[in-house]
Amino acid sequence: MSLRKPQASEHRRHRLKLAVGTSLASKVTTAIVVLIAIPIGRVALGEQAFAAFGPIISILAFLRIANIGIGPALTVRIAEAASKDDKEKESRLYASGVLPVVSIGVLVVATALTVVSNLAPSQVLGEKFSALNQSDLRSALLVMSGFAGLQLVMTAVEAAQIGYQETHKIN
């Protein structure tokens, strides 16, 4: 059943409103969670450990903002292939998008693990952190390295998901 022009226009307008509304709700919820989590983390970790938490979480935030990967190109091409019901092209695009990003993720994690394993955490984060428990800092850096690699890989997965949702047409 195809939509006539007025119905199609109204349908797109409704989808746009829904996309904007859910995006705003998501951002507000995230902000509230962060505002609640920061004081809880400060109390739970203590002043010094919480001070070490800042640089570590900042590295992850930077990687998220940098969006190292193939996001926009994969999104548009997967949406095009999906609209033409070309499953073979979808599969090729996804594989060619994921493999390089996984390779970069493995390289980043391997490099981070090598650095964290061979240097004192205070050498990685700075001398101001030498008074903190080096074992705890090393553990935090190792966990951060794993999250960084996972975050890199997830950029390709998210790009494909957005392509299937055809968000680029709404925006």
N, C-alpha and C. Protein backbone atom coordinates (compact mmCIF):
# COMPACT_ATOMS: atom_id res chain seq x y z
N MET A 1 0.85 -1.17 0.00
CA MET A 1 0.00 0.00 0.00
C MET A 1 0.89 1.23 0.00
N SER A 2 0.79 2.04 -1.02
CA SER A 2 1.63 3.23 -1.11
C SER A 2 0.87 4.43 -0.54
N LEU A 3 1.66 5.37 -0.03
CA LEU A 3 1.07 6.57 0.54
C LEU A 3 0.98 7.66 -0.52
N ARG A 4 -0.14 8.38 -0.51
CA ARG A 4 -0.25 9.53 -1.41
C ARG A 4 0.64 10.65 -0.87
N LYS A 5 0.90 11.66 -1.70
CA LYS A 5 1.84 12.73 -1.32
C LYS A 5 1.50 13.38 0.02
N PRO A 6 0.26 13.81 0.27
CA PRO A 6 -0.02 14.43 1.58
C PRO A 6 0.21 13.45 2.74
N GLN A 7 -0.16 12.18 2.52
CA GLN A 7 0.05 11.20 3.58
C GLN A 7 1.55 10.95 3.79
N ALA A 8 2.31 10.86 2.71
CA ALA A 8 3.75 10.63 2.81
C ALA A 8 4.42 11.79 3.53
N SER A 9 4.02 13.00 3.22
CA SER A 9 4.60 14.18 3.85
C SER A 9 4.30 14.18 5.36
N GLU A 10 3.07 13.86 5.71
CA GLU A 10 2.68 13.80 7.12
C GLU A 10 3.44 12.68 7.83
N HIS A 11 3.60 11.56 7.14
CA HIS A 11 4.35 10.43 7.72
C HIS A 11 5.80 10.83 8.00
N ARG A 12 6.45 11.51 7.05
CA ARG A 12 7.83 11.97 7.26
C ARG A 12 7.90 12.97 8.41
N ARG A 13 6.94 13.88 8.46
CA ARG A 13 6.91 14.88 9.53
C ARG A 13 6.76 14.19 10.89
N HIS A 14 5.89 13.19 10.96
CA HIS A 14 5.70 12.44 12.20
C HIS A 14 6.99 11.72 12.59
N ARG A 15 7.66 11.09 11.62
CA ARG A 15 8.92 10.38 11.90
C ARG A 15 10.00 11.35 12.37
N LEU A 16 10.06 12.54 11.78
CA LEU A 16 11.03 13.54 12.18
C LEU A 16 10.78 13.99 13.61
N LYS A 17 9.52 14.27 13.95
CA LYS A 17 9.18 14.67 15.31
C LYS A 17 9.54 13.57 16.30
N LEU A 18 9.25 12.34 15.93
CA LEU A 18 9.57 11.21 16.80
C LEU A 18 11.08 11.08 16.98
N ALA A 19 11.84 11.22 15.91
CA ALA A 19 13.31 11.12 15.99
C ALA A 19 13.88 12.23 16.87
N VAL A 20 13.41 13.46 16.69
CA VAL A 20 13.90 14.59 17.49
C VAL A 20 13.51 14.39 18.95
N GLY A 21 12.28 13.98 19.19
CA GLY A 21 11.82 13.78 20.56
C GLY A 21 12.60 12.71 21.30
N THR A 22 12.81 11.58 20.65
CA THR A 22 13.55 10.50 21.31
C THR A 22 15.01 10.88 21.50
N SER A 23 15.58 11.62 20.55
CA SER A 23 16.96 12.07 20.69
C SER A 23 17.11 13.01 21.88
N LEU A 24 16.19 13.97 22.00
CA LEU A 24 16.24 14.90 23.13
C LEU A 24 16.06 14.16 24.46
N ALA A 25 15.11 13.23 24.50
CA ALA A 25 14.88 12.46 25.73
C ALA A 25 16.13 11.67 26.11
N SER A 26 16.79 11.10 25.12
CA SER A 26 18.01 10.35 25.37
C SER A 26 19.11 11.25 25.93
N LYS A 27 19.28 12.42 25.35
CA LYS A 27 20.32 13.34 25.81
C LYS A 27 20.03 13.86 27.22
N VAL A 28 18.79 14.17 27.50
CA VAL A 28 18.42 14.64 28.84
C VAL A 28 18.65 13.54 29.87
N THR A 29 18.26 12.32 29.54
CA THR A 29 18.46 11.18 30.45
C THR A 29 19.94 10.96 30.71
N THR A 30 20.75 11.02 29.66
CA THR A 30 22.20 10.85 29.82
C THR A 30 22.77 11.93 30.73
N ALA A 31 22.36 13.17 30.54
CA ALA A 31 22.85 14.27 31.37
C ALA A 31 22.46 14.06 32.83
N ILE A 32 21.25 13.62 33.08
CA ILE A 32 20.79 13.39 34.45
C ILE A 32 21.61 12.26 35.10
N VAL A 33 21.83 11.18 34.35
CA VAL A 33 22.61 10.06 34.89
C VAL A 33 24.03 10.52 35.23
N VAL A 34 24.64 11.31 34.37
CA VAL A 34 26.00 11.81 34.62
C VAL A 34 26.01 12.71 35.86
N LEU A 35 25.03 13.60 35.97
CA LEU A 35 24.98 14.49 37.12
C LEU A 35 24.77 13.75 38.44
N ILE A 36 24.11 12.62 38.37
CA ILE A 36 23.92 11.80 39.58
C ILE A 36 25.16 10.94 39.83
N ALA A 37 25.76 10.40 38.78
CA ALA A 37 26.89 9.48 38.92
C ALA A 37 28.16 10.15 39.41
N ILE A 38 28.39 11.40 39.02
CA ILE A 38 29.64 12.07 39.41
C ILE A 38 29.77 12.21 40.93
N PRO A 39 28.77 12.73 41.63
CA PRO A 39 28.91 12.80 43.10
C PRO A 39 29.02 11.41 43.75
N ILE A 40 28.29 10.45 43.23
CA ILE A 40 28.37 9.09 43.79
C ILE A 40 29.77 8.53 43.58
N GLY A 41 30.32 8.71 42.39
CA GLY A 41 31.68 8.24 42.10
C GLY A 41 32.72 8.92 42.97
N ARG A 42 32.54 10.20 43.21
CA ARG A 42 33.49 10.95 44.04
C ARG A 42 33.51 10.42 45.47
N VAL A 43 32.32 10.15 46.01
CA VAL A 43 32.23 9.62 47.37
C VAL A 43 32.78 8.18 47.41
N ALA A 44 32.41 7.37 46.43
CA ALA A 44 32.83 5.96 46.44
C ALA A 44 34.33 5.79 46.22
N LEU A 45 34.91 6.61 45.35
CA LEU A 45 36.32 6.46 45.02
C LEU A 45 37.25 7.24 45.96
N GLY A 46 36.76 8.30 46.53
CA GLY A 46 37.62 9.17 47.33
C GLY A 46 38.22 10.23 46.43
N GLU A 47 38.77 11.28 47.04
CA GLU A 47 39.27 12.43 46.29
C GLU A 47 40.37 12.06 45.30
N GLN A 48 41.38 11.33 45.76
CA GLN A 48 42.52 11.05 44.89
C GLN A 48 42.16 10.12 43.74
N ALA A 49 41.44 9.04 44.04
CA ALA A 49 41.08 8.10 42.99
C ALA A 49 40.12 8.74 41.99
N PHE A 50 39.24 9.60 42.49
CA PHE A 50 38.32 10.28 41.58
C PHE A 50 39.08 11.23 40.66
N ALA A 51 40.15 11.83 41.18
CA ALA A 51 40.99 12.71 40.35
C ALA A 51 41.65 11.90 39.22
N ALA A 52 41.98 10.66 39.47
CA ALA A 52 42.58 9.80 38.43
C ALA A 52 41.52 9.35 37.43
N PHE A 53 40.29 9.28 37.88
CA PHE A 53 39.19 8.86 37.02
C PHE A 53 38.96 9.85 35.88
N GLY A 54 39.18 11.12 36.12
CA GLY A 54 38.95 12.17 35.13
C GLY A 54 39.72 11.98 33.83
N PRO A 55 41.05 11.86 33.90
CA PRO A 55 41.80 11.68 32.65
C PRO A 55 41.44 10.39 31.92
N ILE A 56 41.18 9.35 32.67
CA ILE A 56 40.87 8.07 32.05
C ILE A 56 39.54 8.15 31.29
N ILE A 57 38.53 8.71 31.91
CA ILE A 57 37.23 8.83 31.25
C ILE A 57 37.28 9.85 30.12
N SER A 58 38.16 10.85 30.24
CA SER A 58 38.31 11.84 29.17
C SER A 58 38.87 11.21 27.89
N ILE A 59 39.77 10.26 28.04
CA ILE A 59 40.32 9.56 26.87
C ILE A 59 39.19 8.84 26.12
N LEU A 60 38.33 8.15 26.88
CA LEU A 60 37.21 7.46 26.24
C LEU A 60 36.25 8.44 25.58
N ALA A 61 35.99 9.56 26.24
CA ALA A 61 35.09 10.56 25.66
C ALA A 61 35.69 11.12 24.37
N PHE A 62 37.00 11.35 24.36
CA PHE A 62 37.65 11.86 23.15
C PHE A 62 37.50 10.86 22.01
N LEU A 63 37.73 9.58 22.29
CA LEU A 63 37.59 8.57 21.24
C LEU A 63 36.17 8.53 20.70
N ARG A 64 35.20 8.71 21.56
CA ARG A 64 33.80 8.72 21.14
C ARG A 64 33.52 9.91 20.22
N ILE A 65 34.01 11.07 20.62
CA ILE A 65 33.79 12.28 19.83
C ILE A 65 34.54 12.20 18.50
N ALA A 66 35.76 11.66 18.54
CA ALA A 66 36.57 11.56 17.32
C ALA A 66 35.91 10.63 16.30
N ASN A 67 35.12 9.66 16.79
CA ASN A 67 34.40 8.72 15.92
C ASN A 67 35.32 8.14 14.85
N ILE A 68 36.41 7.55 15.31
CA ILE A 68 37.36 6.93 14.39
C ILE A 68 36.62 5.77 13.73
N GLY A 69 36.50 5.82 12.46
CA GLY A 69 35.78 4.77 11.76
C GLY A 69 35.21 5.25 10.45
N ILE A 70 34.23 4.54 9.98
CA ILE A 70 33.69 4.76 8.66
C ILE A 70 32.21 5.12 8.71
N GLY A 71 31.78 5.63 9.83
CA GLY A 71 30.37 5.88 10.11
C GLY A 71 29.51 6.43 9.00
N PRO A 72 29.64 7.69 8.62
CA PRO A 72 28.70 8.29 7.66
C PRO A 72 28.66 7.58 6.31
N ALA A 73 29.80 7.21 5.78
CA ALA A 73 29.83 6.55 4.47
C ALA A 73 29.11 5.20 4.54
N LEU A 74 29.35 4.45 5.60
CA LEU A 74 28.70 3.15 5.74
C LEU A 74 27.19 3.31 5.93
N THR A 75 26.79 4.30 6.69
CA THR A 75 25.37 4.54 6.93
C THR A 75 24.61 4.75 5.63
N VAL A 76 25.11 5.66 4.80
CA VAL A 76 24.41 5.99 3.56
C VAL A 76 24.41 4.81 2.60
N ARG A 77 25.54 4.14 2.46
CA ARG A 77 25.62 3.03 1.50
C ARG A 77 24.78 1.83 1.94
N ILE A 78 24.72 1.56 3.22
CA ILE A 78 23.88 0.45 3.70
C ILE A 78 22.41 0.80 3.49
N ALA A 79 22.04 2.05 3.75
CA ALA A 79 20.65 2.47 3.52
C ALA A 79 20.28 2.31 2.05
N GLU A 80 21.20 2.68 1.16
CA GLU A 80 20.93 2.53 -0.28
C GLU A 80 20.77 1.06 -0.66
N ALA A 81 21.68 0.21 -0.16
CA ALA A 81 21.60 -1.22 -0.48
C ALA A 81 20.33 -1.83 0.10
N ALA A 82 19.97 -1.42 1.31
CA ALA A 82 18.76 -1.97 1.95
C ALA A 82 17.51 -1.54 1.19
N SER A 83 17.50 -0.30 0.69
CA SER A 83 16.32 0.17 -0.05
C SER A 83 16.16 -0.57 -1.38
N LYS A 84 17.26 -1.09 -1.92
CA LYS A 84 17.22 -1.87 -3.16
C LYS A 84 17.14 -3.37 -2.88
N ASP A 85 17.06 -3.72 -1.61
CA ASP A 85 17.00 -5.12 -1.17
C ASP A 85 18.18 -5.93 -1.72
N ASP A 86 19.35 -5.32 -1.74
CA ASP A 86 20.57 -5.97 -2.24
C ASP A 86 21.35 -6.52 -1.05
N LYS A 87 20.98 -7.73 -0.64
CA LYS A 87 21.58 -8.37 0.54
C LYS A 87 23.07 -8.62 0.36
N GLU A 88 23.49 -8.96 -0.85
CA GLU A 88 24.90 -9.23 -1.10
C GLU A 88 25.73 -7.97 -0.88
N LYS A 89 25.25 -6.83 -1.40
CA LYS A 89 25.97 -5.57 -1.24
C LYS A 89 25.99 -5.15 0.24
N GLU A 90 24.87 -5.35 0.93
CA GLU A 90 24.82 -5.03 2.36
C GLU A 90 25.89 -5.81 3.11
N SER A 91 25.98 -7.10 2.81
CA SER A 91 26.96 -7.96 3.46
C SER A 91 28.39 -7.51 3.17
N ARG A 92 28.66 -7.20 1.90
CA ARG A 92 30.00 -6.74 1.51
C ARG A 92 30.35 -5.42 2.21
N LEU A 93 29.40 -4.49 2.22
CA LEU A 93 29.64 -3.20 2.86
C LEU A 93 29.94 -3.36 4.34
N TYR A 94 29.14 -4.18 5.01
CA TYR A 94 29.33 -4.36 6.44
C TYR A 94 30.69 -5.00 6.73
N ALA A 95 31.02 -6.04 5.97
CA ALA A 95 32.31 -6.72 6.17
C ALA A 95 33.47 -5.77 5.89
N SER A 96 33.37 -4.99 4.82
CA SER A 96 34.47 -4.08 4.48
C SER A 96 34.54 -2.90 5.46
N GLY A 97 33.47 -2.63 6.16
CA GLY A 97 33.49 -1.57 7.16
C GLY A 97 34.00 -2.06 8.50
N VAL A 98 33.62 -3.28 8.86
CA VAL A 98 33.98 -3.80 10.18
C VAL A 98 35.44 -4.24 10.24
N LEU A 99 35.95 -4.89 9.22
CA LEU A 99 37.31 -5.41 9.28
C LEU A 99 38.37 -4.34 9.52
N PRO A 100 38.36 -3.22 8.80
CA PRO A 100 39.37 -2.19 9.10
C PRO A 100 39.22 -1.61 10.50
N VAL A 101 37.98 -1.40 10.93
CA VAL A 101 37.76 -0.83 12.26
C VAL A 101 38.19 -1.81 13.34
N VAL A 102 37.92 -3.09 13.17
CA VAL A 102 38.38 -4.10 14.12
C VAL A 102 39.91 -4.11 14.16
N SER A 103 40.54 -4.01 12.99
CA SER A 103 42.00 -3.98 12.94
C SER A 103 42.56 -2.78 13.70
N ILE A 104 41.94 -1.62 13.50
CA ILE A 104 42.37 -0.41 14.23
C ILE A 104 42.15 -0.61 15.72
N GLY A 105 41.00 -1.19 16.09
CA GLY A 105 40.70 -1.44 17.51
C GLY A 105 41.72 -2.36 18.15
N VAL A 106 42.09 -3.43 17.46
CA VAL A 106 43.08 -4.37 17.98
C VAL A 106 44.43 -3.67 18.13
N LEU A 107 44.80 -2.86 17.15
CA LEU A 107 46.07 -2.12 17.21
C LEU A 107 46.09 -1.14 18.38
N VAL A 108 44.98 -0.41 18.57
CA VAL A 108 44.89 0.54 19.69
C VAL A 108 44.99 -0.19 21.02
N VAL A 109 44.26 -1.29 21.17
CA VAL A 109 44.28 -2.04 22.42
C VAL A 109 45.67 -2.63 22.67
N ALA A 110 46.28 -3.21 21.64
CA ALA A 110 47.61 -3.80 21.79
C ALA A 110 48.63 -2.74 22.20
N THR A 111 48.55 -1.57 21.57
CA THR A 111 49.47 -0.48 21.91
C THR A 111 49.24 -0.02 23.34
N ALA A 112 47.97 0.18 23.70
CA ALA A 112 47.65 0.63 25.06
C ALA A 112 48.08 -0.40 26.10
N LEU A 113 47.84 -1.67 25.83
CA LEU A 113 48.24 -2.71 26.78
C LEU A 113 49.76 -2.77 26.93
N THR A 114 50.48 -2.59 25.83
CA THR A 114 51.94 -2.58 25.89
C THR A 114 52.43 -1.40 26.73
N VAL A 115 51.87 -0.23 26.49
CA VAL A 115 52.29 0.97 27.24
C VAL A 115 51.95 0.80 28.72
N VAL A 116 50.72 0.39 29.01
CA VAL A 116 50.27 0.27 30.40
C VAL A 116 51.04 -0.84 31.13
N SER A 117 51.39 -1.89 30.42
CA SER A 117 52.11 -3.00 31.06
C SER A 117 53.58 -2.66 31.33
N ASN A 118 54.17 -1.80 30.52
CA ASN A 118 55.60 -1.54 30.64
C ASN A 118 55.96 -0.23 31.34
N LEU A 119 55.00 0.64 31.54
CA LEU A 119 55.26 1.90 32.22
C LEU A 119 54.43 1.97 33.50
N ALA A 120 54.93 2.71 34.45
CA ALA A 120 54.15 2.96 35.66
C ALA A 120 52.97 3.85 35.28
N PRO A 121 51.81 3.61 35.86
CA PRO A 121 50.65 4.45 35.53
C PRO A 121 50.91 5.94 35.72
N SER A 122 51.73 6.29 36.70
CA SER A 122 52.03 7.71 36.90
C SER A 122 52.86 8.27 35.73
N GLN A 123 53.58 7.40 35.02
CA GLN A 123 54.30 7.86 33.83
C GLN A 123 53.33 8.10 32.68
N VAL A 124 52.25 7.36 32.65
CA VAL A 124 51.25 7.52 31.60
C VAL A 124 50.37 8.74 31.88
N LEU A 125 49.93 8.87 33.12
CA LEU A 125 48.99 9.93 33.49
C LEU A 125 49.66 11.20 34.00
N GLY A 126 50.89 11.10 34.46
CA GLY A 126 51.60 12.26 34.99
C GLY A 126 52.04 12.02 36.43
N GLU A 127 53.06 12.75 36.84
CA GLU A 127 53.64 12.57 38.17
C GLU A 127 52.69 12.89 39.31
N LYS A 128 51.68 13.71 39.06
CA LYS A 128 50.72 14.04 40.12
C LYS A 128 49.97 12.80 40.61
N PHE A 129 49.99 11.75 39.81
CA PHE A 129 49.27 10.54 40.17
C PHE A 129 50.19 9.50 40.85
N SER A 130 51.43 9.86 41.13
CA SER A 130 52.36 8.90 41.73
C SER A 130 51.99 8.56 43.17
N ALA A 131 51.24 9.42 43.85
CA ALA A 131 50.84 9.15 45.23
C ALA A 131 49.69 8.15 45.32
N LEU A 132 49.03 7.90 44.20
CA LEU A 132 47.89 6.97 44.21
C LEU A 132 48.37 5.53 44.11
N ASN A 133 47.48 4.62 44.42
CA ASN A 133 47.77 3.19 44.32
C ASN A 133 48.01 2.84 42.85
N GLN A 134 49.25 2.50 42.53
CA GLN A 134 49.64 2.24 41.14
C GLN A 134 48.94 1.00 40.58
N SER A 135 48.67 0.03 41.42
CA SER A 135 47.98 -1.18 40.98
C SER A 135 46.55 -0.86 40.54
N ASP A 136 45.87 -0.03 41.32
CA ASP A 136 44.50 0.37 40.95
C ASP A 136 44.49 1.20 39.67
N LEU A 137 45.48 2.10 39.55
CA LEU A 137 45.56 2.90 38.33
C LEU A 137 45.83 2.03 37.12
N ARG A 138 46.71 1.05 37.26
CA ARG A 138 47.02 0.15 36.15
C ARG A 138 45.75 -0.62 35.74
N SER A 139 45.00 -1.10 36.73
CA SER A 139 43.75 -1.81 36.44
C SER A 139 42.78 -0.91 35.69
N ALA A 140 42.65 0.33 36.14
CA ALA A 140 41.75 1.28 35.48
C ALA A 140 42.19 1.54 34.04
N LEU A 141 43.49 1.68 33.82
CA LEU A 141 43.99 1.91 32.47
C LEU A 141 43.78 0.68 31.57
N LEU A 142 43.92 -0.51 32.13
CA LEU A 142 43.68 -1.73 31.35
C LEU A 142 42.21 -1.84 30.95
N VAL A 143 41.32 -1.55 31.89
CA VAL A 143 39.89 -1.59 31.58
C VAL A 143 39.56 -0.53 30.54
N MET A 144 40.13 0.67 30.68
CA MET A 144 39.92 1.73 29.70
C MET A 144 40.39 1.31 28.32
N SER A 145 41.51 0.61 28.26
CA SER A 145 42.03 0.13 26.97
C SER A 145 41.04 -0.82 26.30
N GLY A 146 40.46 -1.71 27.08
CA GLY A 146 39.46 -2.63 26.53
C GLY A 146 38.22 -1.90 26.05
N PHE A 147 37.75 -0.93 26.84
CA PHE A 147 36.59 -0.15 26.44
C PHE A 147 36.88 0.66 25.18
N ALA A 148 38.09 1.19 25.07
CA ALA A 148 38.46 1.97 23.88
C ALA A 148 38.38 1.10 22.64
N GLY A 149 38.92 -0.11 22.72
CA GLY A 149 38.86 -1.03 21.57
C GLY A 149 37.43 -1.40 21.22
N LEU A 150 36.64 -1.69 22.23
CA LEU A 150 35.24 -2.04 22.01
C LEU A 150 34.48 -0.86 21.40
N GLN A 151 34.77 0.33 21.87
CA GLN A 151 34.10 1.52 21.35
C GLN A 151 34.43 1.74 19.87
N LEU A 152 35.67 1.50 19.50
CA LEU A 152 36.06 1.64 18.10
C LEU A 152 35.29 0.65 17.22
N VAL A 153 35.20 -0.58 17.66
CA VAL A 153 34.50 -1.61 16.89
C VAL A 153 33.01 -1.27 16.78
N MET A 154 32.44 -0.75 17.84
CA MET A 154 31.01 -0.46 17.83
C MET A 154 30.64 0.67 16.88
N THR A 155 31.59 1.51 16.46
CA THR A 155 31.26 2.58 15.52
C THR A 155 30.73 2.01 14.21
N ALA A 156 31.32 0.90 13.75
CA ALA A 156 30.85 0.28 12.50
C ALA A 156 29.47 -0.33 12.69
N VAL A 157 29.26 -0.96 13.83
CA VAL A 157 27.96 -1.58 14.11
C VAL A 157 26.88 -0.50 14.19
N GLU A 158 27.17 0.60 14.87
CA GLU A 158 26.21 1.70 14.98
C GLU A 158 25.92 2.32 13.62
N ALA A 159 26.95 2.48 12.79
CA ALA A 159 26.75 3.06 11.46
C ALA A 159 25.82 2.19 10.63
N ALA A 160 26.01 0.88 10.70
CA ALA A 160 25.14 -0.03 9.96
C ALA A 160 23.71 0.05 10.48
N GLN A 161 23.57 0.10 11.80
CA GLN A 161 22.23 0.18 12.39
C GLN A 161 21.52 1.45 11.93
N ILE A 162 22.24 2.56 11.95
CA ILE A 162 21.64 3.83 11.52
C ILE A 162 21.26 3.76 10.04
N GLY A 163 22.09 3.09 9.24
CA GLY A 163 21.77 2.92 7.84
C GLY A 163 20.47 2.17 7.65
N TYR A 164 20.26 1.12 8.43
CA TYR A 164 19.02 0.36 8.34
C TYR A 164 17.81 1.18 8.80
N GLN A 165 18.05 2.07 9.73
CA GLN A 165 16.95 2.91 10.20
C GLN A 165 16.71 4.11 9.29
N GLU A 166 17.57 4.29 8.31
CA GLU A 166 17.46 5.36 7.33
C GLU A 166 17.39 6.75 7.96
N THR A 167 18.14 6.91 9.04
CA THR A 167 18.15 8.19 9.73
C THR A 167 18.66 9.30 8.84
N HIS A 168 19.59 9.00 7.96
CA HIS A 168 20.16 10.05 7.11
C HIS A 168 19.09 10.71 6.24
N LYS A 169 18.01 10.01 5.94
CA LYS A 169 16.94 10.61 5.14
C LYS A 169 16.12 11.59 5.96
N ILE A 170 16.00 11.31 7.25
CA ILE A 170 15.25 12.19 8.15
C ILE A 170 16.04 13.46 8.39
N ASN A 171 17.34 13.29 8.63
CA ASN A 171 18.19 14.45 8.93
C ASN A 171 18.50 15.19 7.66
